[in-house]
Amino acid sequence: MPAAPLVRWAVVAASLVSVALPVCISTGPAGRPAEGARSPFLVRPTGHQGHGAALYGSYAFLPMPAALTPAVGVLSNTTATEGITPSVAAGARYIERSNVLRLASGRWKYLPDGRTASVVVAPEDPAARRQIERSRAWLAAGRVPGRSAAQRAAAGRALLGMRALLRPDGAMAAGWTPGWMYSWPRDSSFAAAAFAHTGHEAEAYRILRYSARTQRADGTWEARTRLDGSGPPDGRRWQLDANGWVPWSTWQWYRTAPGATRQARLAVLYPMIRKAADHAAASLGKDGLPPASPDYWELMTATPNIGTAAPLLAGLNASADLAAELNKPQDAARWRAAAGRLSSALAKSFAPLGYRRTADGRHGHDSAVTFMAPPFNAAPAGLPRALDTTYEALLLPNGGITPGNDPKAPWGGNAWTPSTSLFALAWAGTGRTEKAGQVLDWVLSKRNPLGELPEKVDGAGRPSSVAPLAWTGSITVLSLLALDGEALPTPPLRP
């Protein structure tokens, strides 16, 4: 999701009447603002790009237009959503297991049913209380993973944030701030898998139906779409990795869906799977690798990258297995053969390099090495060492992970929570639960004061950029599930 230059933002920011300027403020114990100081924050540029900015950090900025202020939480009635700004969040807390906010004044702020703007009401307002109870019932109807009360609270918060970002039409917003209020196939696929494995099958299927509606005629997807499904908001390049992520997500949903109806509903999705898998298979070159394509960094590479190849392998294996479930032997054989070619090519071109970013080895390490691990792919023999080497290469002084160390795509000193939490998921999937737990503990320790998981963590270790982020929430939930003792399923690579 990250990554283009900041030129467009610079032009916009320069034209604004209110220009962000850093102003030091006094701090109290443990770096907290001194009593009476206004809650500090930095303004994050529009979109998934740049080096990010601290929320609740040690700098304050002069006011920016509210529409450009990164959200640090969300209010929702499940049909409409409203972002919580840092100024509103100061001293506030969610009512436990809900999206109703208890303000510093003690009054409650929430988004009433049928409304698109929030209201402030007295504590224990009956309508607000009913919304709280519905949120709690939704969580209780599924599974909230975690081996401790703190982990379960974090998982519940992540699930409620993801639910708030899910639109009635199945579009999954990456976050609730301009630039993030679009649906990425990749983020959506992770969210569908997390919903499916926590017992929220209806939400998972709704996302998959949206993916089917927004698939292009050639079987691919735009990099992102507007939340009404009307198409892409800009001209950024489409990304081939979606042809892996969507079938993988569909397979994960199918493994958890009620047996009585899942085949009939898979049949509805199957035309999407066929087009996606056929395009993925046809994209493989004579060397068995897919073409160069923008990866999850949203940057183009000159040679094939692991961020595209690994998801395609997962998707082809998932598609072949789904074809077998629907008694489509010719489809299954075609995609199984393509997966075999791609698997061999990965072993030949990427494995000797430790699954670095590109097949030519010239672009450094990449957190997408984790896509070679369960629950995406059966871990190849050399993967444990590659995971360790990559993690060590990308580890920042603040304890988190940068997406990669390609010198042509510098990320600065900010850790990205999706990249970091992916290592927790990979290590949990390969049986290294202690390492997974340590990484996950770090991620959970960086939730903002509302308990939301942010997109980034700045160099000083503070939550940064938008929160909640659907991708991080999904990966975190999947990691907690994997650490609960039941391995998440992985699409099989069959001969």
Protein backbone atom coordinates (compact mmCIF):
# COMPACT_ATOMS: atom_id res chain seq x y z
CA MET A 1 0.00 0.00 0.00
CA PRO A 2 2.78 2.52 0.64
CA ALA A 3 4.68 4.59 -1.74
CA ALA A 4 4.85 7.33 -4.33
CA PRO A 5 6.72 10.64 -4.21
CA LEU A 6 5.37 13.52 -2.15
CA VAL A 7 5.24 16.01 -5.03
CA ARG A 8 1.44 16.06 -5.27
CA TRP A 9 1.08 16.54 -1.51
CA ALA A 10 3.68 19.31 -1.51
CA VAL A 11 1.70 21.25 -4.10
CA VAL A 12 -1.53 20.81 -2.16
CA ALA A 13 0.04 21.66 1.18
CA ALA A 14 1.71 24.77 -0.18
CA SER A 15 -1.66 26.10 -1.29
CA LEU A 16 -3.30 25.68 2.09
CA VAL A 17 -3.88 28.71 4.24
CA SER A 18 -2.94 26.80 7.38
CA VAL A 19 0.60 25.54 6.94
CA ALA A 20 1.91 22.86 9.30
CA LEU A 21 4.84 24.12 11.32
CA PRO A 22 6.52 22.17 14.14
CA VAL A 23 6.12 23.74 17.56
CA CYS A 24 7.84 22.16 20.54
CA ILE A 25 5.65 21.64 23.56
CA SER A 26 6.48 20.83 27.13
CA THR A 27 6.21 17.24 28.25
CA GLY A 28 5.54 15.56 31.53
CA PRO A 29 6.69 12.18 32.91
CA ALA A 30 7.50 9.46 30.40
CA GLY A 31 7.27 11.90 27.53
CA ARG A 32 3.58 12.63 28.04
CA PRO A 33 2.35 16.18 27.42
CA ALA A 34 2.45 18.38 30.49
CA GLU A 35 -0.92 18.91 32.11
CA GLY A 36 -2.85 21.53 30.25
CA ALA A 37 -0.81 21.20 27.03
CA ARG A 38 -2.90 20.55 23.97
CA SER A 39 -2.78 17.07 22.49
CA PRO A 40 0.05 17.14 19.90
CA PHE A 41 0.08 15.52 16.52
CA LEU A 42 1.68 15.77 13.12
CA VAL A 43 -0.30 16.01 9.92
CA ARG A 44 0.13 13.03 7.59
CA PRO A 45 0.19 13.65 3.83
CA THR A 46 -2.68 12.38 1.75
CA GLY A 47 -2.28 8.81 0.55
CA HIS A 48 0.00 5.90 1.32
CA GLN A 49 3.21 7.72 0.68
CA GLY A 50 6.10 9.53 2.30
CA HIS A 51 7.69 8.97 5.66
CA GLY A 52 4.66 9.59 7.83
CA ALA A 53 4.18 11.66 10.94
CA ALA A 54 3.69 11.11 14.62
CA LEU A 55 0.34 11.16 16.30
CA TYR A 56 0.36 12.07 19.99
CA GLY A 57 4.07 12.84 19.62
CA SER A 58 6.29 15.56 21.07
CA TYR A 59 5.45 18.12 18.40
CA ALA A 60 2.32 20.13 17.76
CA PHE A 61 1.21 21.63 14.48
CA LEU A 62 -0.80 24.68 13.70
CA PRO A 63 -4.35 23.73 12.68
CA MET A 64 -4.84 21.98 9.38
CA PRO A 65 -8.21 21.58 7.68
CA ALA A 66 -10.13 18.84 9.49
CA ALA A 67 -10.59 16.86 6.27
CA LEU A 68 -6.82 16.40 5.99
CA THR A 69 -6.17 15.49 9.61
CA PRO A 70 -5.41 11.78 9.94
CA ALA A 71 -8.03 9.85 11.85
CA VAL A 72 -6.90 8.15 15.04
CA GLY A 73 -10.09 6.15 15.49
CA VAL A 74 -13.54 5.61 14.00
CA LEU A 75 -17.17 5.97 14.96
CA SER A 76 -19.56 3.72 13.08
CA ASN A 77 -23.14 2.49 12.89
CA THR A 78 -22.01 -0.21 10.35
CA THR A 79 -23.53 1.70 7.41
CA ALA A 80 -21.76 5.03 7.92
CA THR A 81 -18.37 5.86 9.42
CA GLU A 82 -16.77 8.98 10.83
CA GLY A 83 -13.11 9.49 11.67
CA ILE A 84 -12.04 10.62 15.12
CA THR A 85 -9.53 13.45 15.00
CA PRO A 86 -6.69 13.80 17.51
CA SER A 87 -8.34 16.83 19.10
CA VAL A 88 -11.55 14.87 19.76
CA ALA A 89 -9.57 11.85 20.95
CA ALA A 90 -7.65 13.82 23.60
CA GLY A 91 -8.57 12.30 26.96
CA ALA A 92 -11.24 10.09 25.38
CA ARG A 93 -11.66 6.31 25.41
CA TYR A 94 -13.97 3.88 23.64
CA ILE A 95 -16.65 2.30 25.75
CA GLU A 96 -15.35 -1.25 26.05
CA ARG A 97 -16.00 -3.44 22.97
CA SER A 98 -17.78 -0.73 21.01
CA ASN A 99 -17.29 2.24 18.69
CA VAL A 100 -18.95 4.63 21.12
CA LEU A 101 -16.51 7.18 22.51
CA ARG A 102 -16.44 8.41 26.09
CA LEU A 103 -15.12 11.97 25.84
CA ALA A 104 -12.85 13.63 28.38
CA SER A 105 -15.93 15.48 29.64
CA GLY A 106 -17.61 12.17 30.44
CA ARG A 107 -20.25 12.60 27.73
CA TRP A 108 -20.57 10.04 24.95
CA LYS A 109 -20.02 10.59 21.23
CA TYR A 110 -21.40 8.13 18.70
CA LEU A 111 -22.86 7.78 15.20
CA PRO A 112 -26.60 7.07 15.51
CA ASP A 113 -28.33 4.56 13.29
CA GLY A 114 -29.35 6.03 9.96
CA ARG A 115 -27.18 9.11 10.43
CA THR A 116 -23.94 10.17 8.76
CA ALA A 117 -22.76 12.62 11.44
CA SER A 118 -22.03 11.91 15.08
CA VAL A 119 -23.78 13.38 18.10
CA VAL A 120 -22.74 13.96 21.70
CA VAL A 121 -25.13 12.61 24.30
CA ALA A 122 -25.37 12.12 28.03
CA PRO A 123 -23.72 9.02 29.52
CA GLU A 124 -25.89 5.89 29.32
CA ASP A 125 -27.99 7.36 26.51
CA PRO A 126 -30.38 4.52 25.60
CA ALA A 127 -29.76 4.60 21.84
CA ALA A 128 -25.98 4.70 22.34
CA ARG A 129 -26.24 1.88 24.86
CA ARG A 130 -28.15 -0.24 22.32
CA GLN A 131 -25.39 0.30 19.76
CA ILE A 132 -22.82 -0.79 22.36
CA GLU A 133 -24.74 -3.97 23.04
CA ARG A 134 -24.99 -4.76 19.32
CA SER A 135 -21.23 -4.38 18.93
CA ARG A 136 -20.64 -6.70 21.85
CA ALA A 137 -23.11 -9.23 20.47
CA TRP A 138 -21.32 -9.16 17.09
CA LEU A 139 -17.98 -9.88 18.74
CA ALA A 140 -19.50 -12.61 20.89
CA ALA A 141 -21.04 -14.27 17.84
CA GLY A 142 -17.56 -14.93 16.51
CA ARG A 143 -14.14 -15.58 17.94
CA VAL A 144 -11.88 -13.00 19.56
CA PRO A 145 -8.39 -14.57 19.56
CA GLY A 146 -5.64 -14.00 22.10
CA ARG A 147 -3.88 -15.84 24.90
CA SER A 148 -4.31 -13.01 27.40
CA ALA A 149 -6.96 -10.46 28.26
CA ALA A 150 -4.79 -7.73 26.75
CA GLN A 151 -4.41 -9.62 23.47
CA ARG A 152 -8.12 -10.33 23.29
CA ALA A 153 -8.88 -6.66 23.93
CA ALA A 154 -6.53 -5.69 21.09
CA ALA A 155 -8.10 -8.27 18.78
CA GLY A 156 -11.60 -7.06 19.61
CA ARG A 157 -10.59 -3.48 18.92
CA ALA A 158 -9.03 -4.52 15.58
CA LEU A 159 -12.15 -6.43 14.56
CA LEU A 160 -14.42 -3.52 15.42
CA GLY A 161 -12.16 -1.17 13.46
CA MET A 162 -12.26 -3.47 10.45
CA ARG A 163 -16.04 -3.73 10.73
CA ALA A 164 -16.28 0.06 10.79
CA LEU A 165 -14.16 0.33 7.64
CA LEU A 166 -16.28 -2.23 5.76
CA ARG A 167 -18.93 -0.63 3.55
CA PRO A 168 -22.38 -2.12 3.01
CA ASP A 169 -21.44 -2.93 -0.62
CA GLY A 170 -18.40 -4.97 0.49
CA ALA A 171 -15.76 -2.34 -0.20
CA MET A 172 -13.09 -2.37 2.50
CA ALA A 173 -11.61 1.05 3.18
CA ALA A 174 -7.93 0.93 4.05
CA GLY A 175 -8.47 3.67 6.62
CA TRP A 176 -10.81 6.58 7.26
CA THR A 177 -8.74 9.54 6.10
CA PRO A 178 -8.61 11.03 2.58
CA GLY A 179 -6.07 9.03 0.59
CA TRP A 180 -6.93 5.85 2.48
CA MET A 181 -10.68 5.90 1.85
CA TYR A 182 -10.42 3.49 -1.07
CA SER A 183 -10.57 -0.27 -1.41
CA TRP A 184 -7.34 -2.13 -2.21
CA PRO A 185 -7.77 -5.79 -3.32
CA ARG A 186 -4.81 -6.79 -1.16
CA ASP A 187 -6.05 -5.19 2.08
CA SER A 188 -9.56 -6.43 1.38
CA SER A 189 -8.35 -10.01 0.90
CA PHE A 190 -6.56 -10.02 4.24
CA ALA A 191 -9.64 -8.58 5.93
CA ALA A 192 -11.88 -11.25 4.38
CA ALA A 193 -9.54 -13.98 5.66
CA ALA A 194 -9.49 -12.46 9.15
CA PHE A 195 -13.28 -12.13 9.23
CA ALA A 196 -13.69 -15.69 7.97
CA HIS A 197 -11.42 -17.22 10.59
CA THR A 198 -13.06 -15.29 13.44
CA GLY A 199 -16.55 -16.49 12.56
CA HIS A 200 -17.77 -13.40 10.70
CA GLU A 201 -18.44 -15.25 7.50
CA ALA A 202 -21.06 -12.82 6.17
CA GLU A 203 -18.57 -9.95 6.20
CA ALA A 204 -15.92 -12.08 4.51
CA TYR A 205 -18.27 -13.14 1.71
CA ARG A 206 -19.45 -9.57 1.21
CA ILE A 207 -15.85 -8.50 0.57
CA LEU A 208 -15.35 -11.32 -1.93
CA ARG A 209 -18.51 -10.38 -3.80
CA TYR A 210 -17.20 -6.83 -4.08
CA SER A 211 -13.92 -8.18 -5.47
CA ALA A 212 -15.91 -10.11 -8.07
CA ARG A 213 -17.86 -7.00 -9.08
CA THR A 214 -14.75 -4.85 -9.45
CA GLN A 215 -12.62 -7.37 -11.35
CA ARG A 216 -11.59 -6.12 -14.78
CA ALA A 217 -12.59 -7.99 -17.92
CA ASP A 218 -9.09 -9.43 -18.35
CA GLY A 219 -9.18 -10.97 -14.87
CA THR A 220 -7.06 -8.34 -13.11
CA TRP A 221 -7.89 -5.56 -10.64
CA GLU A 222 -7.12 -1.90 -10.37
CA ALA A 223 -4.65 -0.96 -7.64
CA ARG A 224 -7.57 0.49 -5.70
CA THR A 225 -11.16 1.56 -6.30
CA ARG A 226 -13.54 4.15 -4.94
CA LEU A 227 -15.72 2.79 -2.18
CA ASP A 228 -18.80 2.78 -4.38
CA GLY A 229 -17.02 0.47 -6.82
CA SER A 230 -17.12 3.05 -9.58
CA GLY A 231 -13.48 2.64 -10.53
CA PRO A 232 -10.00 3.85 -9.69
CA PRO A 233 -9.53 7.35 -8.26
CA ASP A 234 -6.32 7.98 -10.19
CA GLY A 235 -4.02 6.60 -12.83
CA ARG A 236 -1.67 4.58 -10.68
CA ARG A 237 -0.57 1.27 -12.18
CA TRP A 238 -2.62 -1.84 -11.52
CA GLN A 239 -0.89 -4.57 -9.52
CA LEU A 240 -0.72 -8.23 -10.51
CA ASP A 241 -0.45 -9.45 -6.91
CA ALA A 242 -4.24 -9.08 -6.55
CA ASN A 243 -4.57 -12.13 -8.82
CA GLY A 244 -2.96 -14.09 -6.02
CA TRP A 245 -4.48 -12.43 -2.99
CA VAL A 246 -8.14 -12.66 -4.03
CA PRO A 247 -8.13 -16.42 -4.82
CA TRP A 248 -6.10 -17.06 -1.64
CA SER A 249 -8.67 -15.13 0.38
CA THR A 250 -11.54 -16.98 -1.29
CA TRP A 251 -9.89 -20.29 -0.37
CA GLN A 252 -9.53 -19.15 3.25
CA TRP A 253 -13.21 -18.19 3.34
CA TYR A 254 -14.22 -21.53 1.80
CA ARG A 255 -12.31 -23.45 4.48
CA THR A 256 -14.37 -21.79 7.21
CA ALA A 257 -17.78 -21.37 5.51
CA PRO A 258 -20.78 -23.49 6.56
CA GLY A 259 -20.68 -26.75 4.64
CA ALA A 260 -24.34 -26.72 3.65
CA THR A 261 -24.07 -23.62 1.47
CA ARG A 262 -20.41 -23.03 0.70
CA GLN A 263 -20.28 -24.87 -2.63
CA ALA A 264 -23.26 -22.99 -4.01
CA ARG A 265 -21.76 -19.67 -2.95
CA LEU A 266 -18.33 -20.65 -4.26
CA ALA A 267 -19.97 -21.30 -7.61
CA VAL A 268 -21.06 -17.64 -7.61
CA LEU A 269 -17.45 -16.56 -7.08
CA TYR A 270 -15.91 -19.12 -9.41
CA PRO A 271 -16.01 -17.02 -12.60
CA MET A 272 -13.85 -14.50 -10.73
CA ILE A 273 -11.43 -17.26 -9.70
CA ARG A 274 -11.19 -18.65 -13.24
CA LYS A 275 -10.41 -15.28 -14.79
CA ALA A 276 -7.89 -14.40 -12.08
CA ALA A 277 -6.07 -17.73 -12.18
CA ASP A 278 -6.02 -17.93 -15.96
CA HIS A 279 -4.50 -14.47 -16.17
CA ALA A 280 -1.93 -15.35 -13.50
CA ALA A 281 -0.98 -18.58 -15.29
CA ALA A 282 -0.74 -16.85 -18.68
CA SER A 283 1.49 -14.13 -17.20
CA LEU A 284 4.30 -16.57 -16.39
CA GLY A 285 7.23 -16.30 -18.76
CA LYS A 286 9.50 -18.99 -20.16
CA ASP A 287 11.46 -18.84 -16.90
CA GLY A 288 8.30 -19.55 -14.92
CA LEU A 289 8.22 -16.10 -13.28
CA PRO A 290 5.55 -13.40 -13.64
CA PRO A 291 6.43 -10.12 -15.33
CA ALA A 292 7.70 -7.11 -13.45
CA SER A 293 4.76 -5.39 -11.77
CA PRO A 294 4.21 -2.87 -9.00
CA ASP A 295 4.23 -4.76 -5.71
CA TYR A 296 2.64 -3.89 -2.38
CA TRP A 297 5.07 -0.97 -2.19
CA GLU A 298 3.12 0.35 -5.19
CA LEU A 299 6.42 0.87 -6.98
CA MET A 300 7.41 -0.64 -10.30
CA THR A 301 10.45 -2.90 -10.54
CA ALA A 302 12.46 -3.66 -13.68
CA THR A 303 12.55 -7.41 -12.96
CA PRO A 304 10.13 -9.83 -11.27
CA ASN A 305 9.66 -9.19 -7.55
CA ILE A 306 8.88 -11.47 -4.63
CA GLY A 307 5.94 -9.25 -3.62
CA THR A 308 4.13 -10.36 -6.77
CA ALA A 309 5.49 -13.87 -7.35
CA ALA A 310 4.76 -15.25 -3.86
CA PRO A 311 1.09 -14.14 -3.77
CA LEU A 312 0.57 -15.54 -7.26
CA LEU A 313 1.88 -18.91 -6.11
CA ALA A 314 -0.56 -18.85 -3.19
CA GLY A 315 -3.39 -17.84 -5.52
CA LEU A 316 -2.69 -20.51 -8.13
CA ASN A 317 -2.55 -23.23 -5.47
CA ALA A 318 -5.76 -21.90 -3.92
CA SER A 319 -7.49 -21.73 -7.31
CA ALA A 320 -6.51 -25.30 -8.18
CA ASP A 321 -7.89 -26.56 -4.89
CA LEU A 322 -11.14 -24.62 -5.32
CA ALA A 323 -11.51 -26.02 -8.85
CA ALA A 324 -11.18 -29.53 -7.46
CA GLU A 325 -13.88 -28.76 -4.89
CA LEU A 326 -16.27 -27.81 -7.71
CA ASN A 327 -15.24 -30.81 -9.83
CA LYS A 328 -13.45 -28.75 -12.47
CA PRO A 329 -10.53 -31.11 -13.16
CA GLN A 330 -9.24 -29.34 -16.26
CA ASP A 331 -9.06 -25.99 -14.46
CA ALA A 332 -7.41 -27.64 -11.47
CA ALA A 333 -4.78 -29.34 -13.63
CA ARG A 334 -4.02 -26.16 -15.58
CA TRP A 335 -3.51 -24.04 -12.48
CA ARG A 336 -1.64 -26.80 -10.64
CA ALA A 337 0.81 -27.00 -13.51
CA ALA A 338 1.28 -23.22 -13.48
CA ALA A 339 1.86 -23.28 -9.72
CA GLY A 340 4.47 -25.99 -10.19
CA ARG A 341 6.31 -23.91 -12.79
CA LEU A 342 6.22 -20.83 -10.56
CA SER A 343 7.34 -22.78 -7.50
CA SER A 344 10.34 -24.17 -9.42
CA ALA A 345 11.19 -20.70 -10.72
CA LEU A 346 11.09 -19.25 -7.22
CA ALA A 347 13.40 -22.00 -6.00
CA LYS A 348 15.82 -21.28 -8.83
CA SER A 349 15.74 -17.48 -8.95
CA PHE A 350 14.75 -16.22 -5.50
CA ALA A 351 15.76 -18.91 -2.99
CA PRO A 352 19.54 -18.58 -3.57
CA LEU A 353 19.18 -14.84 -2.87
CA GLY A 354 17.30 -15.37 0.38
CA TYR A 355 14.06 -14.22 -1.31
CA ARG A 356 15.26 -10.67 -1.79
CA ARG A 357 13.00 -8.12 -3.41
CA THR A 358 13.82 -8.81 -7.07
CA ALA A 359 15.06 -11.74 -9.09
CA ASP A 360 18.23 -9.86 -10.02
CA GLY A 361 19.12 -9.36 -6.34
CA ARG A 362 19.81 -5.66 -6.84
CA HIS A 363 17.05 -4.20 -4.72
CA GLY A 364 17.78 -5.40 -1.23
CA HIS A 365 15.70 -7.24 1.31
CA ASP A 366 11.91 -7.12 1.38
CA SER A 367 9.39 -7.93 4.08
CA ALA A 368 7.45 -9.76 1.34
CA VAL A 369 9.71 -12.73 2.12
CA THR A 370 6.94 -13.49 4.63
CA PHE A 371 4.57 -14.24 1.73
CA MET A 372 6.52 -17.49 1.21
CA ALA A 373 5.40 -18.72 4.65
CA PRO A 374 2.08 -20.13 5.87
CA PRO A 375 -0.76 -19.29 5.68
CA PHE A 376 0.15 -18.21 2.13
CA ASN A 377 2.57 -20.89 0.95
CA ALA A 378 4.10 -24.04 2.39
CA ALA A 379 7.47 -22.84 3.64
CA PRO A 380 10.38 -23.98 1.42
CA ALA A 381 13.46 -25.44 3.07
CA GLY A 382 15.57 -22.27 3.19
CA LEU A 383 12.85 -19.94 4.35
CA PRO A 384 13.61 -19.88 8.13
CA ARG A 385 17.09 -18.53 7.47
CA ALA A 386 15.76 -16.03 4.91
CA LEU A 387 13.19 -14.77 7.42
CA ASP A 388 15.86 -14.24 10.06
CA THR A 389 18.28 -12.55 7.68
CA THR A 390 15.61 -10.26 6.27
CA TYR A 391 14.25 -9.32 9.68
CA GLU A 392 17.72 -8.41 10.93
CA ALA A 393 18.40 -6.35 7.79
CA LEU A 394 15.14 -4.40 8.09
CA LEU A 395 15.01 -3.94 11.88
CA LEU A 396 14.98 -0.29 12.92
CA PRO A 397 16.21 1.22 16.21
CA ASN A 398 12.58 1.76 17.30
CA GLY A 399 12.05 -2.03 17.23
CA GLY A 400 9.88 -2.24 14.12
CA ILE A 401 10.46 -3.17 10.50
CA THR A 402 10.85 -1.03 7.40
CA PRO A 403 9.25 -2.56 4.27
CA GLY A 404 12.60 -2.97 2.57
CA ASN A 405 16.10 -1.58 2.22
CA ASP A 406 16.15 -0.90 -1.49
CA PRO A 407 18.31 2.25 -1.70
CA LYS A 408 16.11 3.55 -4.52
CA ALA A 409 13.02 3.49 -2.29
CA PRO A 410 14.08 4.85 1.11
CA TRP A 411 11.54 4.60 3.91
CA GLY A 412 13.24 6.77 6.53
CA GLY A 413 13.14 5.90 10.21
CA ASN A 414 9.48 4.90 10.40
CA ALA A 415 8.46 1.31 11.02
CA TRP A 416 5.44 0.03 9.09
CA THR A 417 3.10 -2.06 11.19
CA PRO A 418 1.90 -4.25 8.28
CA SER A 419 5.48 -5.26 7.44
CA THR A 420 6.32 -5.86 11.09
CA SER A 421 3.20 -7.89 11.88
CA LEU A 422 3.78 -10.02 8.78
CA PHE A 423 6.89 -11.41 10.48
CA ALA A 424 4.77 -12.38 13.49
CA LEU A 425 2.40 -14.21 11.15
CA ALA A 426 5.24 -15.93 9.27
CA TRP A 427 7.01 -17.08 12.40
CA ALA A 428 3.75 -18.31 13.91
CA GLY A 429 3.09 -20.23 10.70
CA THR A 430 6.52 -21.87 10.75
CA GLY A 431 6.29 -22.96 14.38
CA ARG A 432 8.54 -20.27 15.87
CA THR A 433 5.96 -19.04 18.30
CA GLU A 434 8.34 -17.31 20.72
CA LYS A 435 9.73 -15.04 18.00
CA ALA A 436 6.22 -14.46 16.68
CA GLY A 437 4.99 -13.49 20.12
CA GLN A 438 7.82 -11.01 20.65
CA VAL A 439 7.13 -9.24 17.38
CA LEU A 440 3.40 -9.19 17.98
CA ASP A 441 3.90 -7.79 21.49
CA TRP A 442 5.85 -4.92 19.96
CA VAL A 443 3.08 -4.21 17.45
CA LEU A 444 0.40 -4.27 20.13
CA SER A 445 2.47 -1.98 22.36
CA LYS A 446 2.31 0.68 19.63
CA ARG A 447 -1.45 1.09 19.61
CA ASN A 448 -2.48 4.69 20.04
CA PRO A 449 -4.26 6.00 23.17
CA LEU A 450 -7.61 4.81 21.79
CA GLY A 451 -6.19 1.31 21.37
CA GLU A 452 -6.13 1.49 17.56
CA LEU A 453 -3.36 -0.03 15.46
CA PRO A 454 -1.61 2.69 13.42
CA GLU A 455 -0.10 2.41 9.97
CA LYS A 456 3.37 3.39 11.18
CA VAL A 457 5.55 3.98 14.22
CA ASP A 458 7.93 6.91 14.12
CA GLY A 459 11.61 6.95 15.01
CA ALA A 460 10.84 7.80 18.61
CA GLY A 461 8.55 4.78 18.94
CA ARG A 462 5.24 6.68 18.78
CA PRO A 463 2.13 5.63 16.81
CA SER A 464 2.06 7.48 13.52
CA SER A 465 -0.15 8.08 10.48
CA VAL A 466 -3.74 6.85 10.27
CA ALA A 467 -5.46 4.48 12.68
CA PRO A 468 -7.03 2.04 12.46
CA LEU A 469 -5.46 0.52 9.36
CA ALA A 470 -7.44 -2.43 7.98
CA TRP A 471 -4.36 -4.29 6.73
CA THR A 472 -2.53 -4.16 10.05
CA GLY A 473 -5.67 -5.11 11.93
CA SER A 474 -6.21 -8.12 9.67
CA ILE A 475 -2.63 -9.37 9.93
CA THR A 476 -2.67 -8.92 13.70
CA VAL A 477 -5.90 -10.89 14.06
CA LEU A 478 -4.54 -13.68 11.85
CA SER A 479 -1.32 -13.75 13.89
CA LEU A 480 -3.23 -14.04 17.16
CA LEU A 481 -5.28 -16.86 15.66
CA ALA A 482 -2.11 -18.67 14.60
CA LEU A 483 -0.65 -18.27 18.09
CA ASP A 484 -3.79 -19.62 19.73
CA GLY A 485 -2.58 -23.12 18.94
CA GLU A 486 -4.48 -23.92 15.76
CA ALA A 487 -2.40 -23.49 12.61
CA LEU A 488 -4.08 -21.47 9.89
CA PRO A 489 -4.61 -23.49 6.70
CA THR A 490 -2.29 -23.04 3.70
CA PRO A 491 -3.24 -23.77 0.07
CA PRO A 492 -1.52 -27.05 -0.88
CA LEU A 493 1.13 -27.27 -3.58
CA ARG A 494 0.22 -30.55 -5.27
CA PRO A 495 2.13 -32.29 -8.10
